[in-house]
Amino acid sequence: MEIARLVVAPAARQNRVGSRMLSAAAQWGMAYQRPTLVGHCSTRNDVAARFYQRWGFRFAGYSEAFYPRGEIALFFYRAL
């Protein structure tokens, strides 16, 4: 299951909003037999990359052609 866009306002990050959303996505994935979560972020988004890693996601690769403006995308996955 792809986490296509997970955006949390900086002011809400201390309230674990992103963690609650990702937890809900994981529960949905398990309920609907989607055994893997996949997320991506730009190489410029260190906050998102660290968030995925804290959640146990592993680095899966990158693409230089995924984002329209030529930013490099990092891909992460987590088995449920």
PDB file of N, CA and C in Angstrom:
ATOM      1  N   MET A   1       0.850  -1.151   0.000  1.00  0.00           N
ATOM      2  CA  MET A   1       0.000   0.000   0.000  1.00  0.00           C
ATOM      3  C   MET A   1       0.902   1.222   0.000  1.00  0.00           C
ATOM      4  N   GLU A   2       0.647   2.145  -0.901  1.00  0.00           N
ATOM      5  CA  GLU A   2       1.483   3.336  -1.016  1.00  0.00           C
ATOM      6  C   GLU A   2       0.975   4.462  -0.123  1.00  0.00           C
ATOM      7  N   ILE A   3       1.894   5.048   0.605  1.00  0.00           N
ATOM      8  CA  ILE A   3       1.617   6.280   1.342  1.00  0.00           C
ATOM      9  C   ILE A   3       1.982   7.395   0.366  1.00  0.00           C
ATOM     10  N   ALA A   4       0.997   7.883  -0.366  1.00  0.00           N
ATOM     11  CA  ALA A   4       1.270   8.825  -1.449  1.00  0.00           C
ATOM     12  C   ALA A   4       1.606  10.212  -0.936  1.00  0.00           C
ATOM     13  N   ARG A   5       0.938  10.652   0.089  1.00  0.00           N
ATOM     14  CA  ARG A   5       1.190  12.003   0.604  1.00  0.00           C
ATOM     15  C   ARG A   5       0.827  12.038   2.084  1.00  0.00           C
ATOM     16  N   LEU A   6       1.822  12.236   2.887  1.00  0.00           N
ATOM     17  CA  LEU A   6       1.622  12.341   4.331  1.00  0.00           C
ATOM     18  C   LEU A   6       2.229  13.671   4.753  1.00  0.00           C
ATOM     19  N   VAL A   7       1.382  14.654   4.941  1.00  0.00           N
ATOM     20  CA  VAL A   7       1.844  16.005   5.254  1.00  0.00           C
ATOM     21  C   VAL A   7       1.262  16.427   6.596  1.00  0.00           C
ATOM     22  N   VAL A   8       2.135  16.876   7.480  1.00  0.00           N
ATOM     23  CA  VAL A   8       1.714  17.348   8.801  1.00  0.00           C
ATOM     24  C   VAL A   8       2.277  18.750   8.995  1.00  0.00           C
ATOM     25  N   ALA A   9       1.429  19.668   9.392  1.00  0.00           N
ATOM     26  CA  ALA A   9       1.876  21.037   9.662  1.00  0.00           C
ATOM     27  C   ALA A   9       2.925  21.016  10.769  1.00  0.00           C
ATOM     28  N   PRO A  10       3.967  21.823  10.640  1.00  0.00           N
ATOM     29  CA  PRO A  10       5.016  21.832  11.669  1.00  0.00           C
ATOM     30  C   PRO A  10       4.479  21.999  13.090  1.00  0.00           C
ATOM     31  N   ALA A  11       3.468  22.815  13.276  1.00  0.00           N
ATOM     32  CA  ALA A  11       2.915  23.032  14.618  1.00  0.00           C
ATOM     33  C   ALA A  11       2.258  21.781  15.191  1.00  0.00           C
ATOM     34  N   ALA A  12       1.836  20.854  14.339  1.00  0.00           N
ATOM     35  CA  ALA A  12       1.143  19.644  14.796  1.00  0.00           C
ATOM     36  C   ALA A  12       2.084  18.457  14.971  1.00  0.00           C
ATOM     37  N   ARG A  13       3.335  18.594  14.574  1.00  0.00           N
ATOM     38  CA  ARG A  13       4.265  17.458  14.620  1.00  0.00           C
ATOM     39  C   ARG A  13       4.543  16.974  16.033  1.00  0.00           C
ATOM     40  N   GLN A  14       4.521  17.846  16.997  1.00  0.00           N
ATOM     41  CA  GLN A  14       4.781  17.438  18.379  1.00  0.00           C
ATOM     42  C   GLN A  14       3.613  16.661  18.979  1.00  0.00           C
ATOM     43  N   ASN A  15       2.469  16.695  18.332  1.00  0.00           N
ATOM     44  CA  ASN A  15       1.282  15.982  18.821  1.00  0.00           C
ATOM     45  C   ASN A  15       1.152  14.585  18.232  1.00  0.00           C
ATOM     46  N   ARG A  16       2.172  14.129  17.532  1.00  0.00           N
ATOM     47  CA  ARG A  16       2.222  12.776  16.946  1.00  0.00           C
ATOM     48  C   ARG A  16       1.119  12.539  15.916  1.00  0.00           C
ATOM     49  N   VAL A  17       0.711  13.581  15.238  1.00  0.00           N
ATOM     50  CA  VAL A  17      -0.336  13.459  14.222  1.00  0.00           C
ATOM     51  C   VAL A  17       0.116  12.519  13.109  1.00  0.00           C
ATOM     52  N   GLY A  18       1.333  12.689  12.620  1.00  0.00           N
ATOM     53  CA  GLY A  18       1.847  11.822  11.558  1.00  0.00           C
ATOM     54  C   GLY A  18       1.907  10.371  11.997  1.00  0.00           C
ATOM     55  N   SER A  19       2.328  10.137  13.218  1.00  0.00           N
ATOM     56  CA  SER A  19       2.386   8.766  13.740  1.00  0.00           C
ATOM     57  C   SER A  19       1.001   8.147  13.828  1.00  0.00           C
ATOM     58  N   ARG A  20       0.026   8.941  14.243  1.00  0.00           N
ATOM     59  CA  ARG A  20      -1.344   8.411  14.318  1.00  0.00           C
ATOM     60  C   ARG A  20      -1.887   8.098  12.923  1.00  0.00           C
ATOM     61  N   MET A  21      -1.579   8.954  11.956  1.00  0.00           N
ATOM     62  CA  MET A  21      -2.043   8.683  10.587  1.00  0.00           C
ATOM     63  C   MET A  21      -1.376   7.432  10.026  1.00  0.00           C
ATOM     64  N   LEU A  22      -0.077   7.284  10.255  1.00  0.00           N
ATOM     65  CA  LEU A  22       0.624   6.110   9.751  1.00  0.00           C
ATOM     66  C   LEU A  22       0.151   4.846  10.454  1.00  0.00           C
ATOM     67  N   SER A  23      -0.135   4.938  11.736  1.00  0.00           N
ATOM     68  CA  SER A  23      -0.674   3.797  12.471  1.00  0.00           C
ATOM     69  C   SER A  23      -2.023   3.372  11.897  1.00  0.00           C
ATOM     70  N   ALA A  24      -2.868   4.346  11.589  1.00  0.00           N
ATOM     71  CA  ALA A  24      -4.173   4.035  10.985  1.00  0.00           C
ATOM     72  C   ALA A  24      -3.993   3.392   9.617  1.00  0.00           C
ATOM     73  N   ALA A  25      -3.038   3.878   8.836  1.00  0.00           N
ATOM     74  CA  ALA A  25      -2.780   3.284   7.517  1.00  0.00           C
ATOM     75  C   ALA A  25      -2.299   1.844   7.660  1.00  0.00           C
ATOM     76  N   ALA A  26      -1.442   1.588   8.643  1.00  0.00           N
ATOM     77  CA  ALA A  26      -0.956   0.227   8.870  1.00  0.00           C
ATOM     78  C   ALA A  26      -2.096  -0.699   9.285  1.00  0.00           C
ATOM     79  N   GLN A  27      -2.970  -0.223  10.149  1.00  0.00           N
ATOM     80  CA  GLN A  27      -4.123  -1.036  10.556  1.00  0.00           C
ATOM     81  C   GLN A  27      -5.027  -1.324   9.366  1.00  0.00           C
ATOM     82  N   TRP A  28      -5.250  -0.330   8.525  1.00  0.00           N
ATOM     83  CA  TRP A  28      -6.069  -0.518   7.325  1.00  0.00           C
ATOM     84  C   TRP A  28      -5.401  -1.534   6.401  1.00  0.00           C
ATOM     85  N   GLY A  29      -4.082  -1.394   6.220  1.00  0.00           N
ATOM     86  CA  GLY A  29      -3.351  -2.324   5.362  1.00  0.00           C
ATOM     87  C   GLY A  29      -3.465  -3.762   5.834  1.00  0.00           C
ATOM     88  N   MET A  30      -3.358  -3.972   7.131  1.00  0.00           N
ATOM     89  CA  MET A  30      -3.488  -5.331   7.661  1.00  0.00           C
ATOM     90  C   MET A  30      -4.913  -5.847   7.484  1.00  0.00           C
ATOM     91  N   ALA A  31      -5.896  -4.997   7.729  1.00  0.00           N
ATOM     92  CA  ALA A  31      -7.293  -5.415   7.614  1.00  0.00           C
ATOM     93  C   ALA A  31      -7.661  -5.781   6.181  1.00  0.00           C
ATOM     94  N   TYR A  32      -7.041  -5.114   5.210  1.00  0.00           N
ATOM     95  CA  TYR A  32      -7.368  -5.347   3.801  1.00  0.00           C
ATOM     96  C   TYR A  32      -6.263  -6.099   3.067  1.00  0.00           C
ATOM     97  N   GLN A  33      -5.453  -6.820   3.821  1.00  0.00           N
ATOM     98  CA  GLN A  33      -4.431  -7.718   3.289  1.00  0.00           C
ATOM     99  C   GLN A  33      -3.473  -7.023   2.321  1.00  0.00           C
ATOM    100  N   ARG A  34      -3.005  -5.880   2.743  1.00  0.00           N
ATOM    101  CA  ARG A  34      -1.951  -5.159   2.024  1.00  0.00           C
ATOM    102  C   ARG A  34      -0.723  -5.242   2.925  1.00  0.00           C
ATOM    103  N   PRO A  35       0.135  -6.243   2.723  1.00  0.00           N
ATOM    104  CA  PRO A  35       1.169  -6.562   3.705  1.00  0.00           C
ATOM    105  C   PRO A  35       2.376  -5.625   3.753  1.00  0.00           C
ATOM    106  N   THR A  36       2.442  -4.655   2.855  1.00  0.00           N
ATOM    107  CA  THR A  36       3.606  -3.772   2.815  1.00  0.00           C
ATOM    108  C   THR A  36       3.183  -2.324   2.654  1.00  0.00           C
ATOM    109  N   LEU A  37       3.803  -1.443   3.432  1.00  0.00           N
ATOM    110  CA  LEU A  37       3.624  -0.006   3.248  1.00  0.00           C
ATOM    111  C   LEU A  37       4.823   0.518   2.475  1.00  0.00           C
ATOM    112  N   VAL A  38       4.577   1.395   1.530  1.00  0.00           N
ATOM    113  CA  VAL A  38       5.638   2.024   0.748  1.00  0.00           C
ATOM    114  C   VAL A  38       5.458   3.528   0.848  1.00  0.00           C
ATOM    115  N   GLY A  39       6.531   4.216   1.175  1.00  0.00           N
ATOM    116  CA  GLY A  39       6.491   5.670   1.250  1.00  0.00           C
ATOM    117  C   GLY A  39       7.626   6.267   0.451  1.00  0.00           C
ATOM    118  N   HIS A  40       7.492   7.524   0.107  1.00  0.00           N
ATOM    119  CA  HIS A  40       8.567   8.197  -0.621  1.00  0.00           C
ATOM    120  C   HIS A  40       8.650   9.644  -0.187  1.00  0.00           C
ATOM    121  N   CYS A  41       9.818  10.213  -0.386  1.00  0.00           N
ATOM    122  CA  CYS A  41      10.031  11.632  -0.101  1.00  0.00           C
ATOM    123  C   CYS A  41      11.213  12.116  -0.925  1.00  0.00           C
ATOM    124  N   SER A  42      11.318  13.399  -1.045  1.00  0.00           N
ATOM    125  CA  SER A  42      12.431  14.018  -1.753  1.00  0.00           C
ATOM    126  C   SER A  42      13.703  13.923  -0.913  1.00  0.00           C
ATOM    127  N   THR A  43      14.837  13.918  -1.579  1.00  0.00           N
ATOM    128  CA  THR A  43      16.107  13.938  -0.846  1.00  0.00           C
ATOM    129  C   THR A  43      16.247  15.219  -0.032  1.00  0.00           C
ATOM    130  N   ARG A  44      15.474  16.227  -0.356  1.00  0.00           N
ATOM    131  CA  ARG A  44      15.513  17.492   0.388  1.00  0.00           C
ATOM    132  C   ARG A  44      14.681  17.441   1.673  1.00  0.00           C
ATOM    133  N   ASN A  45      13.904  16.382   1.852  1.00  0.00           N
ATOM    134  CA  ASN A  45      12.994  16.299   2.992  1.00  0.00           C
ATOM    135  C   ASN A  45      13.552  15.352   4.060  1.00  0.00           C
ATOM    136  N   ASP A  46      14.550  15.833   4.787  1.00  0.00           N
ATOM    137  CA  ASP A  46      15.168  15.019   5.839  1.00  0.00           C
ATOM    138  C   ASP A  46      14.181  14.625   6.927  1.00  0.00           C
ATOM    139  N   VAL A  47      13.237  15.513   7.231  1.00  0.00           N
ATOM    140  CA  VAL A  47      12.250  15.232   8.277  1.00  0.00           C
ATOM    141  C   VAL A  47      11.442  13.989   7.910  1.00  0.00           C
ATOM    142  N   ALA A  48      10.976  13.910   6.667  1.00  0.00           N
ATOM    143  CA  ALA A  48      10.180  12.752   6.235  1.00  0.00           C
ATOM    144  C   ALA A  48      11.022  11.481   6.213  1.00  0.00           C
ATOM    145  N   ALA A  49      12.250  11.565   5.721  1.00  0.00           N
ATOM    146  CA  ALA A  49      13.114  10.380   5.667  1.00  0.00           C
ATOM    147  C   ALA A  49      13.366   9.832   7.069  1.00  0.00           C
ATOM    148  N   ARG A  50      13.636  10.709   8.018  1.00  0.00           N
ATOM    149  CA  ARG A  50      13.851  10.260   9.400  1.00  0.00           C
ATOM    150  C   ARG A  50      12.567   9.685  10.003  1.00  0.00           C
ATOM    151  N   PHE A  51      11.423  10.285   9.668  1.00  0.00           N
ATOM    152  CA  PHE A  51      10.133   9.786  10.155  1.00  0.00           C
ATOM    153  C   PHE A  51       9.923   8.348   9.693  1.00  0.00           C
ATOM    154  N   TYR A  52      10.115   8.084   8.409  1.00  0.00           N
ATOM    155  CA  TYR A  52       9.955   6.715   7.903  1.00  0.00           C
ATOM    156  C   TYR A  52      10.916   5.761   8.614  1.00  0.00           C
ATOM    157  N   GLN A  53      12.147   6.176   8.794  1.00  0.00           N
ATOM    158  CA  GLN A  53      13.124   5.302   9.439  1.00  0.00           C
ATOM    159  C   GLN A  53      12.762   5.034  10.896  1.00  0.00           C
ATOM    160  N   ARG A  54      12.275   6.038  11.608  1.00  0.00           N
ATOM    161  CA  ARG A  54      11.837   5.822  13.000  1.00  0.00           C
ATOM    162  C   ARG A  54      10.700   4.810  13.063  1.00  0.00           C
ATOM    163  N   TRP A  55       9.877   4.767  12.038  1.00  0.00           N
ATOM    164  CA  TRP A  55       8.751   3.849  11.988  1.00  0.00           C
ATOM    165  C   TRP A  55       9.149   2.460  11.488  1.00  0.00           C
ATOM    166  N   GLY A  56      10.430   2.227  11.299  1.00  0.00           N
ATOM    167  CA  GLY A  56      10.897   0.905  10.896  1.00  0.00           C
ATOM    168  C   GLY A  56      10.902   0.660   9.401  1.00  0.00           C
ATOM    169  N   PHE A  57      10.703   1.705   8.615  1.00  0.00           N
ATOM    170  CA  PHE A  57      10.784   1.555   7.165  1.00  0.00           C
ATOM    171  C   PHE A  57      12.249   1.370   6.777  1.00  0.00           C
ATOM    172  N   ARG A  58      12.473   0.609   5.726  1.00  0.00           N
ATOM    173  CA  ARG A  58      13.819   0.385   5.199  1.00  0.00           C
ATOM    174  C   ARG A  58      13.951   1.086   3.855  1.00  0.00           C
ATOM    175  N   PHE A  59      15.155   1.536   3.575  1.00  0.00           N
ATOM    176  CA  PHE A  59      15.426   2.189   2.301  1.00  0.00           C
ATOM    177  C   PHE A  59      15.296   1.165   1.180  1.00  0.00           C
ATOM    178  N   ALA A  60      14.549   1.513   0.125  1.00  0.00           N
ATOM    179  CA  ALA A  60      14.311   0.581  -0.977  1.00  0.00           C
ATOM    180  C   ALA A  60      14.963   1.029  -2.278  1.00  0.00           C
ATOM    181  N   GLY A  61      15.343   2.283  -2.377  1.00  0.00           N
ATOM    182  CA  GLY A  61      15.963   2.773  -3.606  1.00  0.00           C
ATOM    183  C   GLY A  61      15.601   4.220  -3.859  1.00  0.00           C
ATOM    184  N   TYR A  62      15.947   4.674  -5.043  1.00  0.00           N
ATOM    185  CA  TYR A  62      15.669   6.064  -5.394  1.00  0.00           C
ATOM    186  C   TYR A  62      15.342   6.165  -6.876  1.00  0.00           C
ATOM    187  N   SER A  63      14.791   7.293  -7.259  1.00  0.00           N
ATOM    188  CA  SER A  63      14.489   7.563  -8.667  1.00  0.00           C
ATOM    189  C   SER A  63      14.792   9.022  -8.957  1.00  0.00           C
ATOM    190  N   GLU A  64      15.469   9.248 -10.055  1.00  0.00           N
ATOM    191  CA  GLU A  64      15.754  10.613 -10.491  1.00  0.00           C
ATOM    192  C   GLU A  64      14.643  11.157 -11.379  1.00  0.00           C
ATOM    193  N   ALA A  65      13.646  10.331 -11.690  1.00  0.00           N
ATOM    194  CA  ALA A  65      12.586  10.740 -12.618  1.00  0.00           C
ATOM    195  C   ALA A  65      11.183  10.646 -12.017  1.00  0.00           C
ATOM    196  N   PHE A  66      11.069  10.465 -10.722  1.00  0.00           N
ATOM    197  CA  PHE A  66       9.759  10.265 -10.103  1.00  0.00           C
ATOM    198  C   PHE A  66       8.999  11.568  -9.924  1.00  0.00           C
ATOM    199  N   TYR A  67       9.674  12.597  -9.448  1.00  0.00           N
ATOM    200  CA  TYR A  67       9.033  13.896  -9.219  1.00  0.00           C
ATOM    201  C   TYR A  67       9.174  14.778 -10.458  1.00  0.00           C
ATOM    202  N   PRO A  68       8.173  15.602 -10.733  1.00  0.00           N
ATOM    203  CA  PRO A  68       8.160  16.370 -11.987  1.00  0.00           C
ATOM    204  C   PRO A  68       9.255  17.427 -12.116  1.00  0.00           C
ATOM    205  N   ARG A  69       9.762  17.948 -11.031  1.00  0.00           N
ATOM    206  CA  ARG A  69      10.763  19.018 -11.127  1.00  0.00           C
ATOM    207  C   ARG A  69      12.196  18.506 -11.048  1.00  0.00           C
ATOM    208  N   GLY A  70      12.384  17.221 -11.240  1.00  0.00           N
ATOM    209  CA  GLY A  70      13.724  16.663 -11.245  1.00  0.00           C
ATOM    210  C   GLY A  70      14.316  16.382  -9.877  1.00  0.00           C
ATOM    211  N   GLU A  71      13.520  16.524  -8.821  1.00  0.00           N
ATOM    212  CA  GLU A  71      14.022  16.174  -7.493  1.00  0.00           C
ATOM    213  C   GLU A  71      14.167  14.658  -7.404  1.00  0.00           C
ATOM    214  N   ILE A  72      15.132  14.221  -6.652  1.00  0.00           N
ATOM    215  CA  ILE A  72      15.352  12.788  -6.478  1.00  0.00           C
ATOM    216  C   ILE A  72      14.417  12.272  -5.389  1.00  0.00           C
ATOM    217  N   ALA A  73      13.730  11.180  -5.690  1.00  0.00           N
ATOM    218  CA  ALA A  73      12.809  10.557  -4.736  1.00  0.00           C
ATOM    219  C   ALA A  73      13.506   9.397  -4.033  1.00  0.00           C
ATOM    220  N   LEU A  74      13.333   9.331  -2.726  1.00  0.00           N
ATOM    221  CA  LEU A  74      13.795   8.200  -1.930  1.00  0.00           C
ATOM    222  C   LEU A  74      12.589   7.335  -1.606  1.00  0.00           C
ATOM    223  N   PHE A  75      12.727   6.023  -1.749  1.00  0.00           N
ATOM    224  CA  PHE A  75      11.632   5.098  -1.478  1.00  0.00           C
ATOM    225  C   PHE A  75      11.965   4.256  -0.254  1.00  0.00           C
ATOM    226  N   PHE A  76      10.951   4.065   0.578  1.00  0.00           N
ATOM    227  CA  PHE A  76      11.081   3.280   1.797  1.00  0.00           C
ATOM    228  C   PHE A  76       9.939   2.263   1.851  1.00  0.00           C
ATOM    229  N   TYR A  77      10.171   1.120   2.499  1.00  0.00           N
ATOM    230  CA  TYR A  77       9.098   0.137   2.649  1.00  0.00           C
ATOM    231  C   TYR A  77       9.118  -0.440   4.061  1.00  0.00           C
ATOM    232  N   ARG A  78       7.967  -0.948   4.451  1.00  0.00           N
ATOM    233  CA  ARG A  78       7.839  -1.624   5.741  1.00  0.00           C
ATOM    234  C   ARG A  78       6.829  -2.752   5.608  1.00  0.00           C
ATOM    235  N   ALA A  79       7.263  -3.959   5.948  1.00  0.00           N
ATOM    236  CA  ALA A  79       6.342  -5.096   5.978  1.00  0.00           C
ATOM    237  C   ALA A  79       5.494  -4.992   7.238  1.00  0.00           C
ATOM    238  N   LEU A  80       4.215  -5.316   7.108  1.00  0.00           N
ATOM    239  CA  LEU A  80       3.303  -5.248   8.257  1.00  0.00           C
ATOM    240  C   LEU A  80       3.214  -6.590   8.955  1.00  0.00           C
TER     241      LEU A  80
END
